Amino acid sequence: MLKLCFVALSFCIIGHRSQGQSLEESLARGEQVYQNECMICHMKNGEGLSGAFPPLSNSDYFKNDVSKAVGAILNGLEGELVVNGETYFGVMDPVPLSDQELVDVLNYVRNSWGGKANQLTTTDIQKMK
């Protein structure tokens, strides 16, 4: 029984360690998610398209409240949205991402294009859902 508990604990530690990757690893994966899911609207450098798609780089919309970004990605957005003083009207469909993909893309967006933010984890995301 003790051996079985040790094996189970070892798997938990190894699995947790794989989720506790470095920020650099998360950013690399997040860049791929961004390119596949976000770039077509928010552009290569996160600047968006004035009047059509809001910027993600240096966005005041979720800079101090990343849960807004989590909600927007998971649930989509519709209607009026003010970002950096500019008003946008439109629809963003929900993006079906896993918690890890969500962590990675938000780490990428928040730490790219001159941004610097604390690393998010899947635990952070689960608390924001």
C-alpha atoms as a PDB file:
ATOM      1  CA  MET A   1       0.000   0.000   0.000  1.00  0.00           C
ATOM      2  CA  LEU A   2       2.827   2.395   0.886  1.00  0.00           C
ATOM      3  CA  LYS A   3       4.500   1.658  -2.452  1.00  0.00           C
ATOM      4  CA  LEU A   4       1.241   2.440  -4.291  1.00  0.00           C
ATOM      5  CA  CYS A   5       0.917   5.767  -2.442  1.00  0.00           C
ATOM      6  CA  PHE A   6       4.510   6.654  -3.336  1.00  0.00           C
ATOM      7  CA  VAL A   7       3.902   5.888  -7.015  1.00  0.00           C
ATOM      8  CA  ALA A   8       0.699   7.963  -7.043  1.00  0.00           C
ATOM      9  CA  LEU A   9       2.461  10.863  -5.290  1.00  0.00           C
ATOM     10  CA  SER A  10       5.332  10.667  -7.784  1.00  0.00           C
ATOM     11  CA  PHE A  11       2.911  10.978 -10.710  1.00  0.00           C
ATOM     12  CA  CYS A  12       1.254  13.976  -9.058  1.00  0.00           C
ATOM     13  CA  ILE A  13       4.589  15.700  -8.511  1.00  0.00           C
ATOM     14  CA  ILE A  14       5.739  15.017 -12.063  1.00  0.00           C
ATOM     15  CA  GLY A  15       2.418  16.206 -13.470  1.00  0.00           C
ATOM     16  CA  HIS A  16       2.509  19.347 -11.308  1.00  0.00           C
ATOM     17  CA  ARG A  17       6.076  20.059 -12.326  1.00  0.00           C
ATOM     18  CA  SER A  18       5.093  19.924 -16.010  1.00  0.00           C
ATOM     19  CA  GLN A  19       2.423  22.566 -15.339  1.00  0.00           C
ATOM     20  CA  GLY A  20       4.929  24.634 -13.355  1.00  0.00           C
ATOM     21  CA  GLN A  21       7.017  25.350 -16.440  1.00  0.00           C
ATOM     22  CA  SER A  22       9.070  28.458 -16.929  1.00  0.00           C
ATOM     23  CA  LEU A  23       7.597  31.661 -18.255  1.00  0.00           C
ATOM     24  CA  GLU A  24       9.719  31.257 -21.394  1.00  0.00           C
ATOM     25  CA  GLU A  25       8.093  27.877 -22.152  1.00  0.00           C
ATOM     26  CA  SER A  26       4.641  29.339 -21.582  1.00  0.00           C
ATOM     27  CA  LEU A  27       5.409  32.312 -23.841  1.00  0.00           C
ATOM     28  CA  ALA A  28       6.551  30.031 -26.667  1.00  0.00           C
ATOM     29  CA  ARG A  29       3.346  27.992 -26.487  1.00  0.00           C
ATOM     30  CA  GLY A  30       1.286  31.160 -26.050  1.00  0.00           C
ATOM     31  CA  GLU A  31       2.746  32.657 -29.203  1.00  0.00           C
ATOM     32  CA  GLN A  32       1.513  29.626 -31.144  1.00  0.00           C
ATOM     33  CA  VAL A  33      -1.989  29.948 -29.663  1.00  0.00           C
ATOM     34  CA  TYR A  34      -1.967  33.679 -30.445  1.00  0.00           C
ATOM     35  CA  GLN A  35      -0.945  33.068 -34.052  1.00  0.00           C
ATOM     36  CA  ASN A  36      -3.636  30.405 -34.507  1.00  0.00           C
ATOM     37  CA  GLU A  37      -6.520  32.055 -32.659  1.00  0.00           C
ATOM     38  CA  CYS A  38      -5.973  35.798 -32.162  1.00  0.00           C
ATOM     39  CA  MET A  39      -3.650  37.281 -34.750  1.00  0.00           C
ATOM     40  CA  ILE A  40      -6.163  37.417 -37.598  1.00  0.00           C
ATOM     41  CA  CYS A  41      -8.138  40.121 -35.748  1.00  0.00           C
ATOM     42  CA  HIS A  42      -5.699  41.600 -33.250  1.00  0.00           C
ATOM     43  CA  MET A  43      -2.811  41.654 -35.750  1.00  0.00           C
ATOM     44  CA  LYS A  44       0.771  40.403 -35.468  1.00  0.00           C
ATOM     45  CA  ASN A  45       1.888  42.884 -32.815  1.00  0.00           C
ATOM     46  CA  GLY A  46      -1.372  43.033 -30.871  1.00  0.00           C
ATOM     47  CA  GLU A  47      -2.196  46.537 -32.123  1.00  0.00           C
ATOM     48  CA  GLY A  48      -5.644  45.538 -33.434  1.00  0.00           C
ATOM     49  CA  LEU A  49      -7.344  47.506 -36.191  1.00  0.00           C
ATOM     50  CA  SER A  50      -8.682  50.942 -35.267  1.00  0.00           C
ATOM     51  CA  GLY A  51     -12.464  51.017 -35.301  1.00  0.00           C
ATOM     52  CA  ALA A  52     -12.775  47.271 -35.868  1.00  0.00           C
ATOM     53  CA  PHE A  53     -10.634  45.168 -33.504  1.00  0.00           C
ATOM     54  CA  PRO A  54      -9.295  46.524 -30.199  1.00  0.00           C
ATOM     55  CA  PRO A  55      -5.613  46.357 -29.349  1.00  0.00           C
ATOM     56  CA  LEU A  56      -4.298  43.785 -26.912  1.00  0.00           C
ATOM     57  CA  SER A  57      -0.865  45.370 -26.523  1.00  0.00           C
ATOM     58  CA  ASN A  58      -0.916  47.878 -23.665  1.00  0.00           C
ATOM     59  CA  SER A  59      -4.692  47.490 -23.430  1.00  0.00           C
ATOM     60  CA  ASP A  60      -6.232  49.299 -20.483  1.00  0.00           C
ATOM     61  CA  TYR A  61      -9.273  47.014 -20.787  1.00  0.00           C
ATOM     62  CA  PHE A  62      -7.722  44.115 -18.906  1.00  0.00           C
ATOM     63  CA  LYS A  63      -4.357  45.437 -17.785  1.00  0.00           C
ATOM     64  CA  ASN A  64      -5.384  45.517 -14.114  1.00  0.00           C
ATOM     65  CA  ASP A  65      -8.088  42.862 -14.308  1.00  0.00           C
ATOM     66  CA  VAL A  66      -7.045  39.831 -16.331  1.00  0.00           C
ATOM     67  CA  SER A  67     -10.334  38.121 -15.472  1.00  0.00           C
ATOM     68  CA  LYS A  68     -11.924  40.349 -18.146  1.00  0.00           C
ATOM     69  CA  ALA A  69      -9.652  38.731 -20.729  1.00  0.00           C
ATOM     70  CA  VAL A  70     -10.487  35.255 -19.417  1.00  0.00           C
ATOM     71  CA  GLY A  71     -14.204  36.026 -19.696  1.00  0.00           C
ATOM     72  CA  ALA A  72     -13.827  37.525 -23.172  1.00  0.00           C
ATOM     73  CA  ILE A  73     -11.914  34.515 -24.478  1.00  0.00           C
ATOM     74  CA  LEU A  74     -14.123  31.852 -22.908  1.00  0.00           C
ATOM     75  CA  ASN A  75     -17.507  33.568 -23.326  1.00  0.00           C
ATOM     76  CA  GLY A  76     -16.950  35.984 -26.193  1.00  0.00           C
ATOM     77  CA  LEU A  77     -17.957  39.649 -26.266  1.00  0.00           C
ATOM     78  CA  GLU A  78     -20.725  41.582 -27.938  1.00  0.00           C
ATOM     79  CA  GLY A  79     -21.672  45.237 -28.044  1.00  0.00           C
ATOM     80  CA  GLU A  80     -19.833  48.387 -27.040  1.00  0.00           C
ATOM     81  CA  LEU A  81     -16.310  48.094 -25.698  1.00  0.00           C
ATOM     82  CA  VAL A  82     -13.971  50.977 -24.842  1.00  0.00           C
ATOM     83  CA  VAL A  83     -10.253  50.225 -25.032  1.00  0.00           C
ATOM     84  CA  ASN A  84      -7.603  52.894 -24.544  1.00  0.00           C
ATOM     85  CA  GLY A  85     -10.242  55.577 -25.036  1.00  0.00           C
ATOM     86  CA  GLU A  86     -11.525  54.240 -28.379  1.00  0.00           C
ATOM     87  CA  THR A  87     -14.999  52.731 -28.685  1.00  0.00           C
ATOM     88  CA  TYR A  88     -15.481  49.463 -30.551  1.00  0.00           C
ATOM     89  CA  PHE A  89     -18.753  47.787 -31.534  1.00  0.00           C
ATOM     90  CA  GLY A  90     -18.667  44.214 -32.596  1.00  0.00           C
ATOM     91  CA  VAL A  91     -18.744  40.562 -31.763  1.00  0.00           C
ATOM     92  CA  MET A  92     -15.981  38.262 -30.592  1.00  0.00           C
ATOM     93  CA  ASP A  93     -16.943  34.612 -30.580  1.00  0.00           C
ATOM     94  CA  PRO A  94     -15.826  32.424 -27.664  1.00  0.00           C
ATOM     95  CA  VAL A  95     -12.508  30.678 -28.223  1.00  0.00           C
ATOM     96  CA  PRO A  96     -12.489  27.090 -26.918  1.00  0.00           C
ATOM     97  CA  LEU A  97      -9.119  26.867 -25.171  1.00  0.00           C
ATOM     98  CA  SER A  98      -7.929  24.544 -22.436  1.00  0.00           C
ATOM     99  CA  ASP A  99      -6.840  26.135 -19.167  1.00  0.00           C
ATOM    100  CA  GLN A 100      -3.197  25.622 -20.163  1.00  0.00           C
ATOM    101  CA  GLU A 101      -3.710  27.237 -23.581  1.00  0.00           C
ATOM    102  CA  LEU A 102      -5.486  30.138 -21.888  1.00  0.00           C
ATOM    103  CA  VAL A 103      -2.617  30.576 -19.436  1.00  0.00           C
ATOM    104  CA  ASP A 104      -0.064  30.456 -22.225  1.00  0.00           C
ATOM    105  CA  VAL A 105      -1.798  32.931 -24.554  1.00  0.00           C
ATOM    106  CA  LEU A 106      -2.459  35.387 -21.717  1.00  0.00           C
ATOM    107  CA  ASN A 107       1.137  35.110 -20.522  1.00  0.00           C
ATOM    108  CA  TYR A 108       2.196  35.809 -24.109  1.00  0.00           C
ATOM    109  CA  VAL A 109      -0.109  38.805 -24.610  1.00  0.00           C
ATOM    110  CA  ARG A 110       0.688  40.321 -21.207  1.00  0.00           C
ATOM    111  CA  ASN A 111       4.458  39.923 -21.651  1.00  0.00           C
ATOM    112  CA  SER A 112       4.852  40.903 -25.305  1.00  0.00           C
ATOM    113  CA  TRP A 113       5.117  44.207 -27.140  1.00  0.00           C
ATOM    114  CA  GLY A 114       6.743  45.954 -24.194  1.00  0.00           C
ATOM    115  CA  GLY A 115       4.434  44.497 -21.552  1.00  0.00           C
ATOM    116  CA  LYS A 116       5.635  42.918 -18.320  1.00  0.00           C
ATOM    117  CA  ALA A 117       3.312  40.964 -16.047  1.00  0.00           C
ATOM    118  CA  ASN A 118       3.411  38.217 -13.479  1.00  0.00           C
ATOM    119  CA  GLN A 119       3.183  34.669 -14.795  1.00  0.00           C
ATOM    120  CA  LEU A 120      -0.294  33.173 -14.682  1.00  0.00           C
ATOM    121  CA  THR A 121      -0.949  29.532 -13.813  1.00  0.00           C
ATOM    122  CA  THR A 122      -3.846  27.195 -14.452  1.00  0.00           C
ATOM    123  CA  THR A 123      -4.804  27.662 -10.790  1.00  0.00           C
ATOM    124  CA  ASP A 124      -5.173  31.403 -11.439  1.00  0.00           C
ATOM    125  CA  ILE A 125      -7.409  30.702 -14.443  1.00  0.00           C
ATOM    126  CA  GLN A 126      -9.592  28.253 -12.523  1.00  0.00           C
ATOM    127  CA  LYS A 127     -10.190  30.904  -9.856  1.00  0.00           C
ATOM    128  CA  MET A 128     -11.307  33.418 -12.532  1.00  0.00           C
ATOM    129  CA  LYS A 129     -13.835  31.151 -14.260  1.00  0.00           C
END
